[in-house]
Amino acid sequence: MGGGATTLRTIGPDAPALTLEDGEVARASMQALVKGELNAYYPEVLISYATGRREGDDPGCGPGMLYCKRICELLEAKGIDTFSGLHVPAGTDWKVFLLKLNSRFANCKVLIVVVTPALYESIPCLTEIFNALTSKKGVKIIPVLFENPLPRSDDQWTKVQAHDLKA
């Protein structure tokens, strides 16, 4: 593995660049945690994160994925099943996450949101948070701050366009 690691003190905005191999290892380890078939896996805890690619990181890789991976590992070690975008296999639409969050089969009780500056540039994260907020199942949202500084309120979600705000 290149710059990636599994401890929080070795990941973050100043950590070594992440390689495609780092990303593949992280995704494979998370996908291995899915119990049974993906379509029938509905855990109570979901994690929303923005990858947050930095200069030097390979495409699709960034500290957000490692923050998410570490949360999953910590919860799984306590017997708590989780689901995130890292659990989604290549070739599967990321929106399967939304089915785990807010569908008639959804069992989600908690959405953990990895809060980094990259979160405020991610339309998928905003969609996930919106779905949790509007869920009739009473999903609790737990924001976990990983990086500072966060953008000022007028600099948050600047990439959102009117057509992105469909319910």
N, C-alpha and C. Protein backbone atom coordinates (compact mmCIF):
# COMPACT_ATOMS: atom_id res chain seq x y z
N MET A 1 0.83 -1.17 0.00
CA MET A 1 0.00 0.00 0.00
C MET A 1 0.88 1.24 0.00
N GLY A 2 0.46 2.25 -0.72
CA GLY A 2 1.24 3.48 -0.80
C GLY A 2 1.10 4.30 0.45
N GLY A 3 0.41 5.44 0.38
CA GLY A 3 0.31 6.35 1.50
C GLY A 3 -0.80 6.01 2.49
N GLY A 4 -1.76 5.15 2.10
CA GLY A 4 -2.90 4.86 2.96
C GLY A 4 -2.51 4.05 4.17
N ALA A 5 -3.33 4.14 5.20
CA ALA A 5 -3.11 3.39 6.43
C ALA A 5 -4.44 3.27 7.14
N THR A 6 -4.46 2.54 8.22
CA THR A 6 -5.72 2.34 8.92
C THR A 6 -5.81 3.06 10.24
N THR A 7 -4.84 3.85 10.61
CA THR A 7 -4.95 4.59 11.86
C THR A 7 -5.22 6.05 11.57
N LEU A 8 -6.04 6.67 12.40
CA LEU A 8 -6.43 8.06 12.16
C LEU A 8 -5.24 9.01 12.19
N ARG A 9 -4.20 8.71 12.96
CA ARG A 9 -3.08 9.64 13.02
C ARG A 9 -2.23 9.63 11.75
N THR A 10 -2.46 8.67 10.85
CA THR A 10 -1.68 8.63 9.61
C THR A 10 -2.52 9.00 8.39
N ILE A 11 -3.75 9.42 8.60
CA ILE A 11 -4.57 9.86 7.48
C ILE A 11 -5.00 11.29 7.71
N GLY A 12 -5.32 11.97 6.65
CA GLY A 12 -5.76 13.34 6.78
C GLY A 12 -5.18 14.19 5.69
N PRO A 13 -5.42 15.48 5.77
CA PRO A 13 -5.02 16.36 4.68
C PRO A 13 -3.51 16.43 4.47
N ASP A 14 -2.72 16.13 5.50
CA ASP A 14 -1.26 16.22 5.37
C ASP A 14 -0.59 14.86 5.22
N ALA A 15 -1.38 13.79 5.15
CA ALA A 15 -0.84 12.44 5.01
C ALA A 15 -0.28 12.25 3.59
N PRO A 16 0.55 11.23 3.39
CA PRO A 16 1.06 10.96 2.05
C PRO A 16 -0.06 10.74 1.04
N ALA A 17 0.23 11.00 -0.22
CA ALA A 17 -0.75 10.83 -1.30
C ALA A 17 -1.26 9.40 -1.34
N LEU A 18 -2.53 9.28 -1.71
CA LEU A 18 -3.17 7.97 -1.81
C LEU A 18 -3.14 7.48 -3.24
N THR A 19 -2.83 6.22 -3.41
CA THR A 19 -2.72 5.61 -4.73
C THR A 19 -4.00 4.85 -5.07
N LEU A 20 -4.12 4.46 -6.34
CA LEU A 20 -5.24 3.61 -6.74
C LEU A 20 -5.24 2.32 -5.94
N GLU A 21 -4.06 1.79 -5.66
CA GLU A 21 -3.96 0.57 -4.86
C GLU A 21 -4.55 0.80 -3.47
N ASP A 22 -4.25 1.94 -2.86
CA ASP A 22 -4.83 2.27 -1.56
C ASP A 22 -6.36 2.24 -1.64
N GLY A 23 -6.89 2.85 -2.68
CA GLY A 23 -8.34 2.88 -2.87
C GLY A 23 -8.92 1.50 -3.06
N GLU A 24 -8.26 0.68 -3.86
CA GLU A 24 -8.73 -0.68 -4.10
C GLU A 24 -8.72 -1.50 -2.82
N VAL A 25 -7.66 -1.36 -2.02
CA VAL A 25 -7.56 -2.09 -0.76
C VAL A 25 -8.67 -1.66 0.19
N ALA A 26 -8.90 -0.35 0.29
CA ALA A 26 -9.95 0.16 1.17
C ALA A 26 -11.32 -0.36 0.73
N ARG A 27 -11.61 -0.29 -0.56
CA ARG A 27 -12.91 -0.75 -1.05
C ARG A 27 -13.08 -2.25 -0.87
N ALA A 28 -12.04 -3.01 -1.17
CA ALA A 28 -12.14 -4.47 -1.03
C ALA A 28 -12.39 -4.87 0.43
N SER A 29 -11.72 -4.21 1.35
CA SER A 29 -11.91 -4.56 2.76
C SER A 29 -13.32 -4.20 3.23
N MET A 30 -13.88 -3.12 2.73
CA MET A 30 -15.24 -2.74 3.11
C MET A 30 -16.27 -3.63 2.43
N GLN A 31 -16.05 -3.97 1.16
CA GLN A 31 -17.00 -4.84 0.46
C GLN A 31 -17.04 -6.24 1.07
N ALA A 32 -15.93 -6.65 1.66
CA ALA A 32 -15.87 -7.97 2.31
C ALA A 32 -16.73 -8.00 3.59
N LEU A 33 -17.08 -6.84 4.12
CA LEU A 33 -17.90 -6.78 5.34
C LEU A 33 -19.39 -6.95 5.07
N VAL A 34 -19.80 -6.85 3.81
CA VAL A 34 -21.21 -7.01 3.47
C VAL A 34 -21.60 -8.46 3.74
N LYS A 35 -22.60 -8.62 4.59
CA LYS A 35 -23.06 -9.97 4.95
C LYS A 35 -24.14 -10.40 3.97
N GLY A 36 -23.89 -11.46 3.23
CA GLY A 36 -24.85 -11.94 2.24
C GLY A 36 -24.81 -11.11 0.98
N GLU A 37 -25.96 -11.07 0.32
CA GLU A 37 -26.08 -10.34 -0.94
C GLU A 37 -26.25 -8.84 -0.67
N LEU A 38 -25.60 -8.01 -1.48
CA LEU A 38 -25.69 -6.56 -1.34
C LEU A 38 -27.14 -6.09 -1.34
N ASN A 39 -27.97 -6.67 -2.20
CA ASN A 39 -29.36 -6.25 -2.34
C ASN A 39 -30.20 -6.57 -1.11
N ALA A 40 -29.71 -7.45 -0.24
CA ALA A 40 -30.46 -7.83 0.97
C ALA A 40 -29.78 -7.34 2.25
N TYR A 41 -28.76 -6.53 2.10
CA TYR A 41 -27.98 -6.04 3.24
C TYR A 41 -28.46 -4.65 3.62
N TYR A 42 -29.10 -4.54 4.79
CA TYR A 42 -29.67 -3.27 5.24
C TYR A 42 -29.25 -3.00 6.69
N PRO A 43 -28.01 -2.53 6.90
CA PRO A 43 -27.55 -2.28 8.27
C PRO A 43 -28.20 -1.03 8.87
N GLU A 44 -28.05 -0.89 10.19
CA GLU A 44 -28.65 0.23 10.91
C GLU A 44 -27.80 1.51 10.85
N VAL A 45 -26.51 1.37 10.51
CA VAL A 45 -25.62 2.53 10.49
C VAL A 45 -25.05 2.73 9.09
N LEU A 46 -25.27 3.91 8.54
CA LEU A 46 -24.70 4.27 7.24
C LEU A 46 -23.75 5.44 7.44
N ILE A 47 -22.76 5.54 6.57
CA ILE A 47 -21.75 6.59 6.68
C ILE A 47 -21.65 7.33 5.36
N SER A 48 -21.83 8.64 5.43
CA SER A 48 -21.71 9.51 4.26
C SER A 48 -20.37 10.23 4.34
N TYR A 49 -19.63 10.19 3.24
CA TYR A 49 -18.32 10.85 3.21
C TYR A 49 -18.06 11.38 1.81
N ALA A 50 -17.24 12.41 1.73
CA ALA A 50 -16.73 12.91 0.44
C ALA A 50 -15.27 12.51 0.37
N THR A 51 -14.86 11.97 -0.74
CA THR A 51 -13.49 11.48 -0.88
C THR A 51 -12.47 12.56 -0.57
N GLY A 52 -12.66 13.76 -1.10
CA GLY A 52 -11.75 14.87 -0.79
C GLY A 52 -10.36 14.70 -1.40
N ARG A 53 -10.32 14.35 -2.67
CA ARG A 53 -9.04 14.16 -3.35
C ARG A 53 -8.16 15.40 -3.22
N ARG A 54 -6.90 15.16 -2.83
CA ARG A 54 -5.93 16.24 -2.68
C ARG A 54 -4.94 16.18 -3.84
N GLU A 55 -4.16 17.23 -3.99
CA GLU A 55 -3.11 17.22 -5.00
C GLU A 55 -2.20 16.03 -4.71
N GLY A 56 -1.95 15.22 -5.72
CA GLY A 56 -1.10 14.04 -5.56
C GLY A 56 -1.87 12.76 -5.37
N ASP A 57 -3.12 12.84 -4.88
CA ASP A 57 -3.94 11.63 -4.74
C ASP A 57 -4.38 11.16 -6.12
N ASP A 58 -4.42 9.85 -6.29
CA ASP A 58 -4.94 9.30 -7.54
C ASP A 58 -6.45 9.54 -7.62
N PRO A 59 -7.02 9.53 -8.84
CA PRO A 59 -8.47 9.74 -9.00
C PRO A 59 -9.27 8.76 -8.15
N GLY A 60 -10.32 9.28 -7.51
CA GLY A 60 -11.18 8.44 -6.69
C GLY A 60 -10.63 8.13 -5.31
N CYS A 61 -9.50 8.73 -4.97
CA CYS A 61 -8.86 8.46 -3.68
C CYS A 61 -8.67 9.77 -2.93
N GLY A 62 -8.83 9.72 -1.63
CA GLY A 62 -8.63 10.90 -0.80
C GLY A 62 -8.85 10.53 0.65
N PRO A 63 -8.53 11.44 1.56
CA PRO A 63 -8.61 11.12 2.98
C PRO A 63 -10.01 10.76 3.46
N GLY A 64 -11.05 11.30 2.84
CA GLY A 64 -12.42 10.99 3.26
C GLY A 64 -12.72 9.51 3.24
N MET A 65 -12.20 8.83 2.23
CA MET A 65 -12.46 7.39 2.15
C MET A 65 -11.78 6.66 3.31
N LEU A 66 -10.64 7.14 3.74
CA LEU A 66 -9.96 6.48 4.86
C LEU A 66 -10.61 6.82 6.19
N TYR A 67 -11.14 8.04 6.33
CA TYR A 67 -11.91 8.36 7.54
C TYR A 67 -13.11 7.42 7.64
N CYS A 68 -13.81 7.27 6.53
CA CYS A 68 -14.99 6.41 6.48
C CYS A 68 -14.60 4.97 6.81
N LYS A 69 -13.55 4.50 6.20
CA LYS A 69 -13.09 3.12 6.43
C LYS A 69 -12.79 2.90 7.90
N ARG A 70 -12.16 3.86 8.52
CA ARG A 70 -11.80 3.70 9.94
C ARG A 70 -13.03 3.67 10.84
N ILE A 71 -14.02 4.50 10.55
CA ILE A 71 -15.27 4.47 11.31
C ILE A 71 -15.92 3.09 11.17
N CYS A 72 -15.98 2.59 9.94
CA CYS A 72 -16.56 1.27 9.70
C CYS A 72 -15.81 0.20 10.50
N GLU A 73 -14.49 0.24 10.45
CA GLU A 73 -13.70 -0.75 11.18
C GLU A 73 -13.97 -0.69 12.68
N LEU A 74 -14.03 0.51 13.24
CA LEU A 74 -14.28 0.66 14.67
C LEU A 74 -15.66 0.11 15.06
N LEU A 75 -16.66 0.43 14.28
CA LEU A 75 -18.01 -0.05 14.58
C LEU A 75 -18.13 -1.55 14.36
N GLU A 76 -17.58 -2.05 13.26
CA GLU A 76 -17.62 -3.49 12.99
C GLU A 76 -16.93 -4.27 14.11
N ALA A 77 -15.85 -3.73 14.66
CA ALA A 77 -15.15 -4.39 15.77
C ALA A 77 -16.04 -4.51 17.01
N LYS A 78 -17.06 -3.66 17.11
CA LYS A 78 -18.02 -3.70 18.22
C LYS A 78 -19.30 -4.45 17.84
N GLY A 79 -19.28 -5.09 16.66
CA GLY A 79 -20.44 -5.87 16.23
C GLY A 79 -21.54 -5.05 15.58
N ILE A 80 -21.22 -3.84 15.15
CA ILE A 80 -22.22 -2.97 14.51
C ILE A 80 -21.97 -2.96 13.00
N ASP A 81 -22.94 -3.47 12.25
CA ASP A 81 -22.84 -3.49 10.79
C ASP A 81 -22.99 -2.08 10.25
N THR A 82 -22.25 -1.79 9.18
CA THR A 82 -22.26 -0.46 8.57
C THR A 82 -22.38 -0.58 7.06
N PHE A 83 -22.65 0.55 6.43
CA PHE A 83 -22.65 0.62 4.97
C PHE A 83 -22.25 2.02 4.56
N SER A 84 -21.45 2.09 3.50
CA SER A 84 -21.00 3.37 2.94
C SER A 84 -20.79 3.18 1.45
N GLY A 85 -20.40 4.24 0.79
CA GLY A 85 -20.06 4.14 -0.63
C GLY A 85 -18.91 3.18 -0.89
N LEU A 86 -18.06 2.98 0.11
CA LEU A 86 -16.95 2.04 -0.05
C LEU A 86 -17.43 0.60 -0.17
N HIS A 87 -18.61 0.32 0.33
CA HIS A 87 -19.17 -1.03 0.27
C HIS A 87 -19.76 -1.34 -1.11
N VAL A 88 -19.92 -0.31 -1.94
CA VAL A 88 -20.56 -0.47 -3.25
C VAL A 88 -19.54 -0.97 -4.26
N PRO A 89 -19.77 -2.14 -4.86
CA PRO A 89 -18.81 -2.68 -5.84
C PRO A 89 -18.75 -1.84 -7.12
N ALA A 90 -17.63 -1.92 -7.79
CA ALA A 90 -17.48 -1.25 -9.08
C ALA A 90 -18.59 -1.71 -10.02
N GLY A 91 -19.11 -0.76 -10.78
CA GLY A 91 -20.16 -1.09 -11.74
C GLY A 91 -21.57 -1.01 -11.15
N THR A 92 -21.67 -0.79 -9.84
CA THR A 92 -22.98 -0.66 -9.18
C THR A 92 -23.22 0.83 -8.94
N ASP A 93 -24.42 1.29 -9.24
CA ASP A 93 -24.77 2.69 -9.06
C ASP A 93 -24.65 3.06 -7.58
N TRP A 94 -23.99 4.16 -7.27
CA TRP A 94 -23.82 4.60 -5.88
C TRP A 94 -25.16 4.83 -5.19
N LYS A 95 -26.20 5.05 -5.96
CA LYS A 95 -27.51 5.35 -5.38
C LYS A 95 -28.12 4.16 -4.64
N VAL A 96 -27.47 3.00 -4.73
CA VAL A 96 -27.89 1.87 -3.89
C VAL A 96 -27.81 2.29 -2.42
N PHE A 97 -26.91 3.23 -2.12
CA PHE A 97 -26.79 3.78 -0.77
C PHE A 97 -28.13 4.37 -0.31
N LEU A 98 -28.81 5.07 -1.22
CA LEU A 98 -30.08 5.71 -0.87
C LEU A 98 -31.15 4.68 -0.53
N LEU A 99 -31.09 3.52 -1.16
CA LEU A 99 -32.03 2.44 -0.84
C LEU A 99 -31.79 1.90 0.57
N LYS A 100 -30.52 1.86 0.97
CA LYS A 100 -30.18 1.40 2.32
C LYS A 100 -30.60 2.43 3.36
N LEU A 101 -30.70 3.67 2.94
CA LEU A 101 -31.01 4.78 3.83
C LEU A 101 -32.51 5.03 3.98
N ASN A 102 -33.21 4.98 2.86
CA ASN A 102 -34.59 5.47 2.88
C ASN A 102 -35.44 4.73 1.83
N SER A 103 -35.72 3.48 2.07
CA SER A 103 -36.63 2.72 1.21
C SER A 103 -37.51 1.88 2.13
N ARG A 104 -38.44 1.18 1.57
CA ARG A 104 -39.33 0.38 2.43
C ARG A 104 -38.59 -0.73 3.15
N PHE A 105 -37.43 -1.16 2.62
CA PHE A 105 -36.64 -2.20 3.27
C PHE A 105 -35.56 -1.63 4.19
N ALA A 106 -35.34 -0.33 4.12
CA ALA A 106 -34.26 0.30 4.88
C ALA A 106 -34.43 0.05 6.38
N ASN A 107 -33.29 -0.18 7.02
CA ASN A 107 -33.24 -0.44 8.45
C ASN A 107 -32.37 0.60 9.14
N CYS A 108 -32.01 1.65 8.41
CA CYS A 108 -31.07 2.65 8.90
C CYS A 108 -31.66 3.44 10.06
N LYS A 109 -30.90 3.49 11.14
CA LYS A 109 -31.27 4.27 12.32
C LYS A 109 -30.38 5.50 12.46
N VAL A 110 -29.13 5.39 11.94
CA VAL A 110 -28.14 6.46 12.12
C VAL A 110 -27.37 6.68 10.81
N LEU A 111 -27.22 7.95 10.44
CA LEU A 111 -26.32 8.34 9.35
C LEU A 111 -25.18 9.12 9.98
N ILE A 112 -23.99 8.57 9.89
CA ILE A 112 -22.80 9.29 10.34
C ILE A 112 -22.27 10.07 9.15
N VAL A 113 -22.07 11.38 9.33
CA VAL A 113 -21.59 12.23 8.25
C VAL A 113 -20.15 12.63 8.57
N VAL A 114 -19.23 12.25 7.70
CA VAL A 114 -17.82 12.62 7.83
C VAL A 114 -17.70 14.07 7.36
N VAL A 115 -17.44 14.97 8.29
CA VAL A 115 -17.41 16.40 7.97
C VAL A 115 -15.98 16.84 7.66
N THR A 116 -15.79 17.24 6.42
CA THR A 116 -14.53 17.78 5.92
C THR A 116 -14.89 18.91 4.96
N PRO A 117 -13.95 19.73 4.55
CA PRO A 117 -14.27 20.75 3.54
C PRO A 117 -14.85 20.13 2.26
N ALA A 118 -14.40 18.94 1.89
CA ALA A 118 -14.88 18.29 0.67
C ALA A 118 -16.37 17.95 0.74
N LEU A 119 -16.91 17.74 1.94
CA LEU A 119 -18.33 17.45 2.10
C LEU A 119 -19.16 18.54 1.43
N TYR A 120 -18.73 19.79 1.59
CA TYR A 120 -19.50 20.93 1.10
C TYR A 120 -19.37 21.14 -0.41
N GLU A 121 -18.69 20.24 -1.08
CA GLU A 121 -18.61 20.26 -2.55
C GLU A 121 -19.28 19.03 -3.15
N SER A 122 -19.83 18.16 -2.32
CA SER A 122 -20.34 16.88 -2.78
C SER A 122 -21.86 16.88 -2.86
N ILE A 123 -22.37 16.85 -4.09
CA ILE A 123 -23.82 16.77 -4.29
C ILE A 123 -24.33 15.40 -3.82
N PRO A 124 -23.61 14.28 -4.05
CA PRO A 124 -24.09 13.01 -3.49
C PRO A 124 -24.22 13.05 -1.96
N CYS A 125 -23.28 13.66 -1.26
CA CYS A 125 -23.39 13.76 0.20
C CYS A 125 -24.60 14.59 0.60
N LEU A 126 -24.83 15.69 -0.09
CA LEU A 126 -25.99 16.52 0.19
C LEU A 126 -27.27 15.72 -0.04
N THR A 127 -27.30 14.93 -1.09
CA THR A 127 -28.46 14.07 -1.38
C THR A 127 -28.67 13.06 -0.26
N GLU A 128 -27.60 12.46 0.22
CA GLU A 128 -27.70 11.48 1.31
C GLU A 128 -28.23 12.14 2.58
N ILE A 129 -27.70 13.30 2.91
CA ILE A 129 -28.14 14.02 4.11
C ILE A 129 -29.61 14.42 3.97
N PHE A 130 -29.98 14.92 2.81
CA PHE A 130 -31.38 15.29 2.56
C PHE A 130 -32.29 14.09 2.74
N ASN A 131 -31.90 12.94 2.20
CA ASN A 131 -32.71 11.73 2.34
C ASN A 131 -32.85 11.30 3.79
N ALA A 132 -31.80 11.45 4.57
CA ALA A 132 -31.88 11.12 6.00
C ALA A 132 -32.83 12.10 6.71
N LEU A 133 -32.71 13.38 6.38
CA LEU A 133 -33.56 14.39 7.02
C LEU A 133 -35.04 14.19 6.70
N THR A 134 -35.34 13.71 5.50
CA THR A 134 -36.73 13.57 5.07
C THR A 134 -37.26 12.15 5.25
N SER A 135 -36.46 11.27 5.81
CA SER A 135 -36.88 9.88 6.02
C SER A 135 -38.03 9.82 7.02
N LYS A 136 -39.01 9.01 6.72
CA LYS A 136 -40.13 8.81 7.65
C LYS A 136 -39.74 7.83 8.75
N LYS A 137 -38.53 7.30 8.68
CA LYS A 137 -38.06 6.32 9.66
C LYS A 137 -37.31 6.96 10.81
N GLY A 138 -37.20 8.28 10.81
CA GLY A 138 -36.56 8.97 11.92
C GLY A 138 -35.06 8.73 12.04
N VAL A 139 -34.37 8.75 10.92
CA VAL A 139 -32.92 8.54 10.92
C VAL A 139 -32.23 9.67 11.68
N LYS A 140 -31.38 9.30 12.62
CA LYS A 140 -30.58 10.28 13.37
C LYS A 140 -29.32 10.58 12.58
N ILE A 141 -28.90 11.83 12.56
CA ILE A 141 -27.69 12.23 11.85
C ILE A 141 -26.63 12.62 12.88
N ILE A 142 -25.46 12.00 12.75
CA ILE A 142 -24.35 12.30 13.64
C ILE A 142 -23.20 12.84 12.79
N PRO A 143 -22.95 14.16 12.84
CA PRO A 143 -21.80 14.71 12.12
C PRO A 143 -20.53 14.50 12.94
N VAL A 144 -19.46 14.08 12.26
CA VAL A 144 -18.17 13.87 12.92
C VAL A 144 -17.13 14.71 12.18
N LEU A 145 -16.60 15.71 12.87
CA LEU A 145 -15.63 16.64 12.26
C LEU A 145 -14.26 15.97 12.17
N PHE A 146 -13.70 15.94 10.95
CA PHE A 146 -12.38 15.38 10.72
C PHE A 146 -11.34 16.40 10.30
N GLU A 147 -11.78 17.46 9.62
CA GLU A 147 -10.82 18.44 9.09
C GLU A 147 -11.37 19.85 9.27
N ASN A 148 -10.46 20.75 9.49
CA ASN A 148 -10.73 22.18 9.52
C ASN A 148 -9.76 22.85 8.57
N PRO A 149 -9.95 24.05 8.14
CA PRO A 149 -11.15 24.83 8.38
C PRO A 149 -12.26 24.43 7.42
N LEU A 150 -13.48 24.58 7.89
CA LEU A 150 -14.63 24.33 7.02
C LEU A 150 -14.94 25.62 6.27
N PRO A 151 -15.55 25.50 5.10
CA PRO A 151 -15.89 26.71 4.35
C PRO A 151 -16.93 27.56 5.08
N ARG A 152 -16.86 28.87 4.89
CA ARG A 152 -17.89 29.76 5.43
C ARG A 152 -19.24 29.38 4.83
N SER A 153 -20.31 29.73 5.49
CA SER A 153 -21.63 29.31 5.04
C SER A 153 -21.93 29.72 3.60
N ASP A 154 -21.48 30.91 3.16
CA ASP A 154 -21.75 31.30 1.76
C ASP A 154 -20.86 30.56 0.77
N ASP A 155 -19.87 29.83 1.24
CA ASP A 155 -19.01 29.05 0.37
C ASP A 155 -19.34 27.56 0.41
N GLN A 156 -20.42 27.21 1.09
CA GLN A 156 -20.84 25.81 1.18
C GLN A 156 -21.82 25.48 0.07
N TRP A 157 -21.66 24.33 -0.53
CA TRP A 157 -22.55 23.79 -1.55
C TRP A 157 -22.64 24.72 -2.77
N THR A 158 -21.57 25.38 -3.12
CA THR A 158 -21.58 26.32 -4.25
C THR A 158 -21.78 25.63 -5.59
N LYS A 159 -21.53 24.33 -5.65
CA LYS A 159 -21.71 23.59 -6.92
C LYS A 159 -23.14 23.13 -7.14
N VAL A 160 -24.00 23.33 -6.15
CA VAL A 160 -25.39 22.88 -6.26
C VAL A 160 -26.15 23.81 -7.20
N GLN A 161 -26.85 23.21 -8.13
CA GLN A 161 -27.70 23.93 -9.07
C GLN A 161 -29.16 23.57 -8.78
N ALA A 162 -30.08 24.33 -9.29
CA ALA A 162 -31.50 24.11 -9.03
C ALA A 162 -31.92 22.68 -9.38
N HIS A 163 -31.41 22.14 -10.51
CA HIS A 163 -31.80 20.79 -10.92
C HIS A 163 -31.26 19.70 -9.98
N ASP A 164 -30.30 20.04 -9.12
CA ASP A 164 -29.77 19.07 -8.15
C ASP A 164 -30.69 18.92 -6.94
N LEU A 165 -31.64 19.80 -6.79
CA LEU A 165 -32.46 19.84 -5.59
C LEU A 165 -33.76 19.07 -5.73
N LYS A 166 -33.79 18.07 -6.59
CA LYS A 166 -34.98 17.24 -6.75
C LYS A 166 -35.10 16.32 -5.55
N ALA A 167 -36.29 16.18 -5.03
CA ALA A 167 -36.52 15.27 -3.88
C ALA A 167 -36.59 13.84 -4.33
